[in-house]
Amino acid sequence: MASNIFKPQDYQGIVKRIEKLESTNEKEWGKMSIVQMLEHCSLQLKLGLGYIELSGYEGPGIQRTWFGRKSFLYAMPWLKGMPTPSQMNMMKNDVSPGDFSKEKNQLINLLEEVQKNRSLKPHAFFGAMNQKDWGRLIWKHLDYHLKQFGG
């Protein structure tokens, strides 16, 4: 059974992994610092919650089909260096690292908000998604980046 942020055990596991992160964790791949990664993950949640308006769809249209979403979210492993939506791209947007503790707490707080408000906005790559797919995407995205920093 696929992990999903809306399953209590999966949610608690991800939060514990975030809580264990330290500002000194070294990246195993990629260009972002750990603080940029935390902010990047928060941006996904802010877009989903509607705090930031989506600027438009990106990537191949197949990603916004049932087959594309299921393949990407459930069947395919995510490889190092996966593309990211423009609004979440820390390097393209020249986002300077902020405060580690602030960004870590913000991410945990946004995850709590997602738990309360499970009706999320469309995603730049996947379009409108049901709660199950959004929960899978959030879990898979966080898992990917926590692994990036040894978490």
Protein backbone atom coordinates (compact mmCIF):
# COMPACT_ATOMS: atom_id res chain seq x y z
CA MET A 1 0.00 0.00 0.00
CA ALA A 2 1.42 3.37 -1.05
CA SER A 3 2.42 5.83 1.65
CA ASN A 4 0.22 8.92 1.90
CA ILE A 5 0.41 12.02 4.09
CA PHE A 6 -3.28 11.58 4.99
CA LYS A 7 -2.59 8.24 6.67
CA PRO A 8 -1.85 8.99 10.35
CA GLN A 9 1.17 6.67 10.55
CA ASP A 10 2.71 8.09 7.34
CA TYR A 11 2.04 11.68 8.45
CA GLN A 12 3.62 11.10 11.87
CA GLY A 13 6.61 9.39 10.28
CA ILE A 14 7.28 12.30 7.92
CA VAL A 15 6.91 14.88 10.71
CA LYS A 16 9.38 12.94 12.90
CA ARG A 17 11.87 12.85 10.02
CA ILE A 18 11.53 16.62 9.54
CA GLU A 19 11.94 17.21 13.27
CA LYS A 20 15.19 15.21 13.28
CA LEU A 21 16.78 17.38 10.57
CA GLU A 22 19.67 19.56 11.66
CA SER A 23 21.02 22.63 9.91
CA THR A 24 24.30 20.72 9.53
CA ASN A 25 22.80 17.87 7.46
CA GLU A 26 24.76 17.60 4.22
CA LYS A 27 23.01 17.14 0.88
CA GLU A 28 23.63 13.90 -0.94
CA TRP A 29 22.69 15.36 -4.33
CA GLY A 30 21.25 18.50 -5.89
CA LYS A 31 21.93 22.22 -5.64
CA MET A 32 19.65 23.39 -2.82
CA SER A 33 20.82 23.98 0.72
CA ILE A 34 18.84 22.32 3.49
CA VAL A 35 17.07 25.62 4.24
CA GLN A 36 16.15 26.07 0.57
CA MET A 37 14.81 22.49 0.54
CA LEU A 38 12.56 23.21 3.53
CA GLU A 39 11.25 26.36 1.86
CA HIS A 40 10.80 24.50 -1.44
CA CYS A 41 8.67 21.86 0.30
CA SER A 42 6.67 24.59 2.05
CA LEU A 43 5.98 26.24 -1.31
CA GLN A 44 4.34 23.04 -2.58
CA LEU A 45 1.97 23.13 0.40
CA LYS A 46 1.32 26.87 0.06
CA LEU A 47 0.40 26.34 -3.61
CA GLY A 48 -1.84 23.41 -2.71
CA LEU A 49 -3.55 25.36 0.05
CA GLY A 50 -4.06 28.34 -2.27
CA TYR A 51 -1.82 30.77 -0.34
CA ILE A 52 0.11 31.27 -3.56
CA GLU A 53 -1.77 31.37 -6.86
CA LEU A 54 -0.67 28.86 -9.49
CA SER A 55 0.90 30.69 -12.42
CA GLY A 56 -0.07 27.99 -14.92
CA TYR A 57 0.43 24.39 -15.92
CA GLU A 58 3.87 23.12 -16.87
CA GLY A 59 5.39 19.97 -18.28
CA PRO A 60 3.92 17.36 -20.59
CA GLY A 61 0.13 17.21 -20.65
CA ILE A 62 0.22 13.46 -20.00
CA GLN A 63 1.14 14.27 -16.40
CA ARG A 64 -2.32 15.78 -15.98
CA THR A 65 -4.07 12.58 -17.10
CA TRP A 66 -5.13 9.71 -14.87
CA PHE A 67 -2.40 7.51 -16.40
CA GLY A 68 0.32 10.13 -15.97
CA ARG A 69 -0.54 10.87 -12.35
CA LYS A 70 -0.77 7.19 -11.41
CA SER A 71 2.51 6.39 -13.13
CA PHE A 72 4.43 9.25 -11.55
CA LEU A 73 2.89 9.03 -8.09
CA TYR A 74 2.58 5.28 -7.64
CA ALA A 75 4.62 3.27 -10.16
CA MET A 76 7.78 5.17 -11.04
CA PRO A 77 10.62 5.88 -8.63
CA TRP A 78 11.76 9.49 -8.50
CA LEU A 79 15.29 9.90 -9.79
CA LYS A 80 17.81 12.42 -8.55
CA GLY A 81 17.45 15.74 -10.34
CA MET A 82 13.71 15.52 -11.03
CA PRO A 83 12.20 18.67 -12.62
CA THR A 84 10.33 21.09 -10.39
CA PRO A 85 7.54 23.59 -11.11
CA SER A 86 8.87 27.09 -11.81
CA GLN A 87 7.26 28.64 -8.75
CA MET A 88 9.00 26.10 -6.51
CA ASN A 89 12.42 26.30 -8.18
CA MET A 90 14.78 27.74 -5.58
CA MET A 91 17.70 28.13 -7.98
CA LYS A 92 15.75 29.70 -10.86
CA ASN A 93 14.08 32.13 -8.47
CA ASP A 94 17.40 32.89 -6.72
CA VAL A 95 15.98 32.17 -3.26
CA SER A 96 18.52 32.93 -0.55
CA PRO A 97 18.64 30.58 2.41
CA GLY A 98 16.58 31.80 5.33
CA ASP A 99 16.51 30.72 8.97
CA PHE A 100 16.66 26.93 9.42
CA SER A 101 14.43 26.73 12.51
CA LYS A 102 11.85 29.09 11.02
CA GLU A 103 11.65 27.13 7.76
CA LYS A 104 11.47 23.78 9.54
CA ASN A 105 8.65 24.99 11.81
CA GLN A 106 6.82 26.54 8.87
CA LEU A 107 6.88 23.23 6.98
CA ILE A 108 5.51 21.32 9.97
CA ASN A 109 2.80 23.96 10.50
CA LEU A 110 1.79 23.81 6.83
CA LEU A 111 1.55 20.02 7.04
CA GLU A 112 -0.84 20.46 9.97
CA GLU A 113 -2.93 22.85 7.87
CA VAL A 114 -3.03 20.34 5.02
CA GLN A 115 -4.36 17.75 7.47
CA LYS A 116 -7.24 20.08 8.36
CA ASN A 117 -7.94 21.38 4.82
CA ARG A 118 -7.78 18.38 2.52
CA SER A 119 -9.35 20.15 -0.46
CA LEU A 120 -6.24 21.31 -2.29
CA LYS A 121 -5.82 23.43 -5.43
CA PRO A 122 -4.51 22.11 -8.77
CA HIS A 123 -0.80 21.30 -9.10
CA ALA A 124 1.42 22.80 -11.83
CA PHE A 125 2.44 19.37 -13.19
CA PHE A 126 -0.58 17.21 -12.31
CA GLY A 127 -3.55 19.58 -12.46
CA ALA A 128 -6.59 18.94 -10.28
CA MET A 129 -6.10 15.92 -8.04
CA ASN A 130 -8.22 14.05 -5.57
CA GLN A 131 -7.26 13.89 -1.90
CA LYS A 132 -5.60 10.48 -2.22
CA ASP A 133 -3.31 11.61 -5.05
CA TRP A 134 -2.44 14.89 -3.31
CA GLY A 135 -1.62 12.98 -0.14
CA ARG A 136 0.61 10.60 -2.10
CA LEU A 137 2.35 13.48 -3.90
CA ILE A 138 3.07 15.35 -0.68
CA TRP A 139 4.42 12.22 1.00
CA LYS A 140 6.54 11.23 -2.00
CA HIS A 141 7.89 14.77 -2.43
CA LEU A 142 8.86 15.08 1.23
CA ASP A 143 10.36 11.58 1.31
CA TYR A 144 12.46 12.41 -1.77
CA HIS A 145 13.87 15.59 -0.22
CA LEU A 146 14.35 14.18 3.25
CA LYS A 147 16.46 11.41 1.69
CA GLN A 148 18.38 14.12 -0.15
CA PHE A 149 19.53 15.42 3.24
CA GLY A 150 19.90 12.10 5.04
CA GLY A 151 16.55 12.33 6.81
